[in-house]
Amino acid sequence: MPAPDVSFVTTGHDVSDARLHRMAGALVAAGVVVEVLGLGDAADGPEGALTSTSPQRGRFARALAAVRTPARARGRVLVSLDPDAAIGCAIAAWRHKRAFVSDVHEDYGLLLHDRAWARGPAGAVARLLLRVTELANRRADLLVVADEHIGTDHAVPRLVVRNLPVAEHLPPVAPPDPQPRALYVGDIRRSRGLVTMLQALERAPDWELDLVGPVASGDVTWLRQWQRSHPQVDARVRWHGRLPPRRAWELAAGAWAGLCLLEPTPAFVGAMPTKVYEYLACGLPVVTTSLPRPASLVRESGAGAVADGPQAVAQVLASWSSDLQEHGKVRDQALTWSDRGQDTYREFVTAISEIVGGRQ
């Protein structure tokens, strides 16, 4: 088995992560030998990559893994996917004369405002970690970011690789099923619309809901209480857990709508959620909250509706299930907007291939 050219290293992401699949898949398709070191089930890793995994552990074990995992990586180029892994990859790259690429797909400083645990001593440690990560990223051979506003103050080469749909991960466009059904794909937590989705379903009795993704530990207690008090509504919800991209998006075939109900937290106000593009590429009308970028896209394309709060979301769903002509119109707009054939990772493959070539 050939030695890997590129090693993706993560101490916080499951190997089923969609961005990891898109980046690794693009490299594999170009003939680059890819290794993935991450969490979860190795069978859920990117197709064609050499994947090995470790179990999810506590914060102290993760800190040790952030040092040990990059040391195990065999690639000539180390690509980190989280802040702590970036520190370990920068050290390993310096010690073993390898290249270091840091993928920064979120504004981590703003994201801490959305995490209940990031207060007091834990928050102080997290902010210190981010400062050390910033120093590590300044030694990177390349900074890969998911949006224009991320990493603009770094004096290293920077490449914007947006989270746009990859056609191979999406199912063929299919007509809506007889039963109205909404879909959500992503992390499941209050700030990403957990409460709003379930309370909207209470008010839309003819709809079902598929939820794909892990439930945040801080919201499990609330969820269990809701399930006990709303058993008939919960019977219309299917909880799929974490799935690799192809299996997750299979559920889009026949769905009536995609939900993106982010709350206006500091990390989300300027964000453009990947799932909006993917819903549209599957021909799903989108229901989004009034965050500027997704709301603007939905309004300009006519491919969905903007709704804040459970009652407003339920009214949109009810209007679509009671007026098939209106639903068909917004669905056609979604398909008109979508460009499933766009090769969004060509520049990424070129940049990584040049770095690999420079290390031979």
Protein backbone atom coordinates (compact mmCIF):
# COMPACT_ATOMS: atom_id res chain seq x y z
CA MET A 1 0.00 0.00 0.00
CA PRO A 2 1.52 3.36 -1.02
CA ALA A 3 2.46 5.89 1.61
CA PRO A 4 -0.09 8.71 1.85
CA ASP A 5 0.58 12.04 0.22
CA VAL A 6 -1.86 13.92 2.48
CA SER A 7 -3.02 13.19 6.04
CA PHE A 8 -6.21 14.79 7.36
CA VAL A 9 -5.95 14.99 11.15
CA THR A 10 -8.86 15.70 13.48
CA THR A 11 -9.37 15.20 17.20
CA GLY A 12 -12.89 16.63 17.22
CA HIS A 13 -14.59 15.54 13.99
CA ASP A 14 -16.22 12.26 13.11
CA VAL A 15 -14.84 10.81 9.87
CA SER A 16 -18.36 11.06 8.41
CA ASP A 17 -18.00 14.88 8.41
CA ALA A 18 -19.27 16.28 5.11
CA ARG A 19 -16.52 18.87 4.55
CA LEU A 20 -13.89 16.22 5.19
CA HIS A 21 -15.58 13.95 2.63
CA ARG A 22 -15.69 16.73 0.04
CA MET A 23 -12.02 17.70 0.43
CA ALA A 24 -10.65 14.17 0.72
CA GLY A 25 -12.87 12.92 -2.09
CA ALA A 26 -11.66 15.63 -4.46
CA LEU A 27 -8.03 14.69 -3.76
CA VAL A 28 -8.66 10.95 -4.14
CA ALA A 29 -10.40 11.58 -7.47
CA ALA A 30 -7.28 13.45 -8.62
CA GLY A 31 -5.04 10.49 -7.76
CA VAL A 32 -3.69 11.81 -4.46
CA VAL A 33 -3.18 9.14 -1.76
CA VAL A 34 -5.13 10.32 1.29
CA GLU A 35 -5.00 9.24 4.92
CA VAL A 36 -7.66 10.24 7.46
CA LEU A 37 -7.11 10.10 11.24
CA GLY A 38 -10.27 10.96 13.16
CA LEU A 39 -13.16 9.81 15.32
CA GLY A 40 -16.06 7.43 14.85
CA ASP A 41 -16.43 4.40 12.59
CA ALA A 42 -13.68 4.02 9.99
CA ALA A 43 -16.26 2.58 7.58
CA ASP A 44 -17.88 6.05 7.47
CA GLY A 45 -14.69 7.71 6.24
CA PRO A 46 -14.21 9.20 2.77
CA GLU A 47 -14.34 6.63 -0.03
CA GLY A 48 -10.87 5.70 -1.27
CA ALA A 49 -9.05 7.17 1.75
CA LEU A 50 -6.98 5.20 4.26
CA THR A 51 -9.08 5.83 7.36
CA SER A 52 -8.31 5.00 10.97
CA THR A 53 -10.27 6.16 13.99
CA SER A 54 -10.12 6.54 17.75
CA PRO A 55 -13.03 6.59 20.20
CA GLN A 56 -14.41 9.90 21.43
CA ARG A 57 -12.94 10.70 24.86
CA GLY A 58 -12.98 13.53 27.39
CA ARG A 59 -11.25 16.88 27.05
CA PHE A 60 -8.00 15.77 28.70
CA ALA A 61 -7.71 12.74 26.41
CA ARG A 62 -8.47 14.98 23.43
CA ALA A 63 -5.62 17.28 24.42
CA LEU A 64 -3.23 14.33 24.43
CA ALA A 65 -4.61 13.13 21.09
CA ALA A 66 -3.96 16.57 19.60
CA VAL A 67 -0.25 15.88 20.10
CA ARG A 68 -0.14 12.14 19.49
CA THR A 69 -2.38 11.87 16.44
CA PRO A 70 -0.36 14.24 14.21
CA ALA A 71 2.78 12.34 15.23
CA ARG A 72 1.20 9.16 13.78
CA ALA A 73 0.28 10.80 10.47
CA ARG A 74 2.37 9.56 7.53
CA GLY A 75 1.51 12.09 4.84
CA ARG A 76 3.94 14.62 3.39
CA VAL A 77 1.24 17.21 3.96
CA LEU A 78 -0.69 17.39 7.26
CA VAL A 79 -4.14 18.98 7.10
CA SER A 80 -5.70 19.91 10.46
CA LEU A 81 -9.47 20.19 10.85
CA ASP A 82 -9.75 21.67 14.37
CA PRO A 83 -7.90 24.25 16.48
CA ASP A 84 -6.16 21.78 18.81
CA ALA A 85 -5.15 19.52 15.92
CA ALA A 86 -3.66 22.57 14.20
CA ILE A 87 -1.23 23.01 17.09
CA GLY A 88 -0.18 19.37 16.96
CA CYS A 89 0.13 19.38 13.17
CA ALA A 90 2.28 22.52 13.21
CA ILE A 91 4.65 20.88 15.71
CA ALA A 92 4.77 17.56 13.81
CA ALA A 93 5.33 19.33 10.48
CA TRP A 94 8.22 21.34 11.95
CA ARG A 95 9.84 18.28 13.57
CA HIS A 96 9.56 16.01 10.53
CA LYS A 97 10.01 18.65 7.81
CA ARG A 98 6.52 18.21 6.38
CA ALA A 99 4.01 20.73 5.08
CA PHE A 100 1.17 21.99 7.27
CA VAL A 101 -2.25 23.09 6.00
CA SER A 102 -4.89 24.41 8.40
CA ASP A 103 -8.56 24.18 7.47
CA VAL A 104 -10.52 26.86 9.34
CA HIS A 105 -14.17 26.33 8.50
CA GLU A 106 -15.71 28.44 11.28
CA ASP A 107 -14.93 31.58 13.25
CA TYR A 108 -14.05 29.70 16.43
CA GLY A 109 -13.85 32.81 18.58
CA LEU A 110 -17.45 33.72 17.77
CA LEU A 111 -18.52 30.10 18.07
CA LEU A 112 -17.52 30.07 21.75
CA HIS A 113 -20.39 32.49 22.42
CA ASP A 114 -22.75 29.69 21.35
CA ARG A 115 -21.37 27.12 23.79
CA ALA A 116 -22.68 27.03 27.35
CA TRP A 117 -19.53 25.29 28.60
CA ALA A 118 -17.26 28.09 27.28
CA ARG A 119 -17.66 30.26 30.37
CA GLY A 120 -15.54 30.63 33.49
CA PRO A 121 -12.29 28.62 33.65
CA ALA A 122 -13.24 26.38 30.70
CA GLY A 123 -13.87 29.41 28.53
CA ALA A 124 -10.56 30.97 29.55
CA VAL A 125 -8.73 27.78 28.58
CA ALA A 126 -10.58 27.65 25.25
CA ARG A 127 -9.66 31.25 24.44
CA LEU A 128 -6.02 30.56 25.33
CA LEU A 129 -6.10 27.53 23.03
CA LEU A 130 -7.42 29.70 20.20
CA ARG A 131 -4.57 32.19 20.69
CA VAL A 132 -2.04 29.37 20.45
CA THR A 133 -3.87 28.06 17.39
CA GLU A 134 -3.56 31.48 15.76
CA LEU A 135 0.22 31.31 16.27
CA ALA A 136 0.28 27.79 14.77
CA ASN A 137 -1.77 28.88 11.76
CA ARG A 138 0.71 31.65 11.03
CA ARG A 139 3.28 28.91 10.33
CA ALA A 140 0.99 27.12 7.88
CA ASP A 141 1.98 26.58 4.26
CA LEU A 142 -1.66 27.23 3.38
CA LEU A 143 -4.75 28.43 5.24
CA VAL A 144 -7.97 26.96 3.85
CA VAL A 145 -11.12 28.81 4.93
CA ALA A 146 -14.80 28.20 4.31
CA ASP A 147 -15.80 31.83 3.80
CA GLU A 148 -14.34 35.20 2.81
CA HIS A 149 -14.54 36.73 6.29
CA ILE A 150 -12.45 34.01 7.99
CA GLY A 151 -8.68 34.31 8.47
CA THR A 152 -8.27 37.65 6.73
CA ASP A 153 -5.56 38.78 9.18
CA HIS A 154 -3.17 35.89 8.46
CA ALA A 155 0.03 36.64 6.54
CA VAL A 156 0.11 33.19 4.92
CA PRO A 157 -1.34 31.95 1.60
CA ARG A 158 -5.12 31.72 1.98
CA LEU A 159 -7.63 29.80 -0.11
CA VAL A 160 -11.40 30.11 0.20
CA VAL A 161 -13.06 26.71 -0.28
CA ARG A 162 -16.78 27.19 0.23
CA ASN A 163 -19.05 24.39 1.33
CA LEU A 164 -20.96 24.07 -1.93
CA PRO A 165 -22.72 20.86 -3.01
CA VAL A 166 -20.84 17.95 -4.50
CA ALA A 167 -23.12 16.19 -6.97
CA GLU A 168 -21.76 12.74 -6.10
CA HIS A 169 -23.03 13.08 -2.52
CA LEU A 170 -26.60 13.96 -3.53
CA PRO A 171 -29.43 11.71 -4.76
CA PRO A 172 -31.20 12.12 -8.10
CA VAL A 173 -33.95 14.72 -7.89
CA ALA A 174 -37.21 12.96 -7.04
CA PRO A 175 -40.84 14.13 -6.87
CA PRO A 176 -42.28 14.77 -3.39
CA ASP A 177 -43.66 11.77 -1.50
CA PRO A 178 -47.41 11.63 -0.84
CA GLN A 179 -46.73 12.38 2.84
CA PRO A 180 -45.37 15.89 3.52
CA ARG A 181 -41.95 15.53 5.11
CA ALA A 182 -39.30 18.04 6.17
CA LEU A 183 -35.58 17.29 6.42
CA TYR A 184 -32.80 18.68 8.60
CA VAL A 185 -29.14 17.65 8.21
CA GLY A 186 -26.49 18.90 10.65
CA ASP A 187 -25.64 19.23 14.32
CA ILE A 188 -28.83 19.17 16.38
CA ARG A 189 -28.92 21.74 19.15
CA ARG A 190 -31.10 24.60 20.38
CA SER A 191 -29.09 27.31 18.59
CA ARG A 192 -29.47 25.41 15.32
CA GLY A 193 -33.23 25.17 15.59
CA LEU A 194 -33.94 22.02 17.62
CA VAL A 195 -36.70 23.59 19.71
CA THR A 196 -38.16 25.56 16.82
CA MET A 197 -38.35 22.50 14.56
CA LEU A 198 -40.12 20.32 17.11
CA GLN A 199 -42.52 23.02 18.24
CA ALA A 200 -43.35 23.81 14.61
CA LEU A 201 -44.13 20.14 14.07
CA GLU A 202 -46.60 20.32 16.96
CA ARG A 203 -48.48 22.97 14.97
CA ALA A 204 -48.23 21.19 11.59
CA PRO A 205 -49.99 17.85 12.24
CA ASP A 206 -49.85 16.62 8.63
CA TRP A 207 -46.04 16.85 8.43
CA GLU A 208 -43.26 14.41 9.35
CA LEU A 209 -39.63 15.26 10.09
CA ASP A 210 -36.30 13.51 9.43
CA LEU A 211 -33.41 14.69 11.61
CA VAL A 212 -29.87 13.68 10.63
CA GLY A 213 -27.02 14.48 13.00
CA PRO A 214 -25.88 14.21 16.62
CA VAL A 215 -27.88 15.82 19.40
CA ALA A 216 -25.82 18.20 21.55
CA SER A 217 -25.30 16.80 25.05
CA GLY A 218 -26.56 20.02 26.64
CA ASP A 219 -29.94 19.63 24.92
CA VAL A 220 -30.56 15.93 25.63
CA THR A 221 -32.44 16.54 28.90
CA TRP A 222 -34.81 19.04 27.29
CA LEU A 223 -35.34 16.69 24.35
CA ARG A 224 -36.16 13.70 26.53
CA GLN A 225 -38.72 15.78 28.46
CA TRP A 226 -40.28 16.99 25.20
CA GLN A 227 -40.50 13.43 23.87
CA ARG A 228 -42.24 12.22 27.04
CA SER A 229 -44.77 15.06 26.92
CA HIS A 230 -45.39 14.90 23.15
CA PRO A 231 -45.35 11.18 22.21
CA GLN A 232 -47.76 11.58 19.30
CA VAL A 233 -45.69 14.37 17.76
CA ASP A 234 -42.45 12.48 18.38
CA ALA A 235 -43.95 9.54 16.49
CA ARG A 236 -43.76 11.75 13.39
CA VAL A 237 -40.02 12.39 13.94
CA ARG A 238 -37.31 10.02 12.73
CA TRP A 239 -33.95 10.37 14.48
CA HIS A 240 -31.20 9.05 12.20
CA GLY A 241 -28.13 10.13 14.18
CA ARG A 242 -24.86 10.87 12.45
CA LEU A 243 -24.57 9.57 8.87
CA PRO A 244 -21.91 9.94 6.15
CA PRO A 245 -22.93 12.42 3.43
CA ARG A 246 -24.31 10.05 0.79
CA ARG A 247 -26.51 8.20 3.29
CA ALA A 248 -27.65 11.45 4.88
CA TRP A 249 -28.72 13.02 1.61
CA GLU A 250 -30.54 9.91 0.42
CA LEU A 251 -33.30 11.15 2.73
CA ALA A 252 -33.75 14.24 0.55
CA ALA A 253 -35.36 12.12 -2.17
CA GLY A 254 -39.10 12.63 -1.76
CA ALA A 255 -38.85 15.26 0.99
CA TRP A 256 -40.97 18.40 0.69
CA ALA A 257 -38.73 20.96 2.43
CA GLY A 258 -35.33 21.53 4.02
CA LEU A 259 -35.07 23.34 7.35
CA CYS A 260 -32.34 25.81 8.35
CA LEU A 261 -33.56 27.49 11.54
CA LEU A 262 -30.39 28.94 13.06
CA GLU A 263 -30.72 31.41 15.90
CA PRO A 264 -28.97 34.81 15.55
CA THR A 265 -25.88 33.92 17.62
CA PRO A 266 -22.62 35.82 16.94
CA ALA A 267 -21.21 32.87 14.97
CA PHE A 268 -24.28 32.52 12.77
CA VAL A 269 -25.18 36.12 11.94
CA GLY A 270 -22.65 36.31 9.10
CA ALA A 271 -22.76 32.63 8.13
CA MET A 272 -24.03 30.94 4.99
CA PRO A 273 -25.02 27.41 6.07
CA THR A 274 -23.93 24.67 3.67
CA LYS A 275 -27.22 22.85 4.03
CA VAL A 276 -29.09 25.65 2.24
CA TYR A 277 -27.11 25.01 -0.95
CA GLU A 278 -27.56 21.26 -0.56
CA TYR A 279 -31.31 21.49 -0.01
CA LEU A 280 -31.66 23.58 -3.15
CA ALA A 281 -29.47 21.20 -5.14
CA CYS A 282 -31.85 18.40 -4.15
CA GLY A 283 -34.86 20.44 -5.26
CA LEU A 284 -36.07 21.11 -1.72
CA PRO A 285 -37.70 24.45 -0.90
CA VAL A 286 -35.92 25.97 2.10
CA VAL A 287 -37.43 27.37 5.29
CA THR A 288 -34.84 29.62 6.95
CA THR A 289 -34.77 32.10 9.79
CA SER A 290 -34.06 35.73 8.92
CA LEU A 291 -30.27 35.55 9.17
CA PRO A 292 -28.99 37.88 6.44
CA ARG A 293 -27.27 35.55 3.98
CA PRO A 294 -29.61 32.53 3.86
CA ALA A 295 -32.66 34.81 3.99
CA SER A 296 -31.31 36.89 1.11
CA LEU A 297 -30.66 33.80 -1.00
CA VAL A 298 -34.11 32.36 -0.34
CA ARG A 299 -35.86 35.65 -1.11
CA GLU A 300 -33.86 36.35 -4.26
CA SER A 301 -34.27 32.82 -5.63
CA GLY A 302 -37.92 32.47 -4.61
CA ALA A 303 -37.00 28.95 -3.53
CA GLY A 304 -38.51 28.90 -0.06
CA ALA A 305 -39.63 31.11 2.79
CA VAL A 306 -38.20 33.12 5.68
CA ALA A 307 -39.85 32.38 9.03
CA ASP A 308 -38.86 33.10 12.62
CA GLY A 309 -40.37 31.05 15.43
CA PRO A 310 -42.38 27.83 15.55
CA GLN A 311 -45.72 29.39 14.61
CA ALA A 312 -44.33 31.10 11.51
CA VAL A 313 -42.51 27.94 10.40
CA ALA A 314 -45.66 25.86 10.90
CA GLN A 315 -47.68 28.33 8.82
CA VAL A 316 -45.22 28.00 5.93
CA LEU A 317 -45.36 24.21 6.08
CA ALA A 318 -49.16 24.21 6.27
CA SER A 319 -49.39 26.55 3.29
CA TRP A 320 -47.28 24.22 1.19
CA SER A 321 -49.12 21.03 2.12
CA SER A 322 -52.51 22.67 1.51
CA ASP A 323 -51.54 24.35 -1.80
CA LEU A 324 -49.67 21.89 -4.00
CA GLN A 325 -49.44 24.42 -6.81
CA GLU A 326 -47.61 26.89 -4.56
CA HIS A 327 -45.28 24.18 -3.29
CA GLY A 328 -44.55 23.12 -6.85
CA LYS A 329 -43.69 26.71 -7.75
CA VAL A 330 -41.09 27.14 -5.00
CA ARG A 331 -39.73 23.67 -5.73
CA ASP A 332 -39.20 24.63 -9.37
CA GLN A 333 -37.35 27.74 -8.21
CA ALA A 334 -35.03 25.58 -6.09
CA LEU A 335 -34.18 23.41 -9.09
CA THR A 336 -33.67 26.49 -11.27
CA TRP A 337 -31.17 27.97 -8.81
CA SER A 338 -29.18 24.79 -8.29
CA ASP A 339 -25.96 24.04 -10.16
CA ARG A 340 -25.06 20.47 -9.21
CA GLY A 341 -22.22 20.23 -11.70
CA GLN A 342 -20.03 22.97 -10.22
CA ASP A 343 -16.50 21.81 -9.39
CA THR A 344 -15.88 23.82 -6.23
CA TYR A 345 -12.74 21.96 -5.13
CA ARG A 346 -10.56 22.30 -8.23
CA GLU A 347 -8.43 25.09 -6.75
CA PHE A 348 -8.06 23.14 -3.51
CA VAL A 349 -6.78 20.06 -5.35
CA THR A 350 -4.35 22.17 -7.36
CA ALA A 351 -2.99 23.95 -4.29
CA ILE A 352 -2.55 20.75 -2.26
CA SER A 353 -0.99 18.91 -5.22
CA GLU A 354 1.58 21.68 -5.61
CA ILE A 355 2.48 21.45 -1.92
CA VAL A 356 2.77 17.66 -2.16
CA GLY A 357 5.02 18.04 -5.20
CA GLY A 358 7.24 20.47 -3.33
CA ARG A 359 7.81 17.87 -0.58
CA GLN A 360 8.90 15.00 -2.82
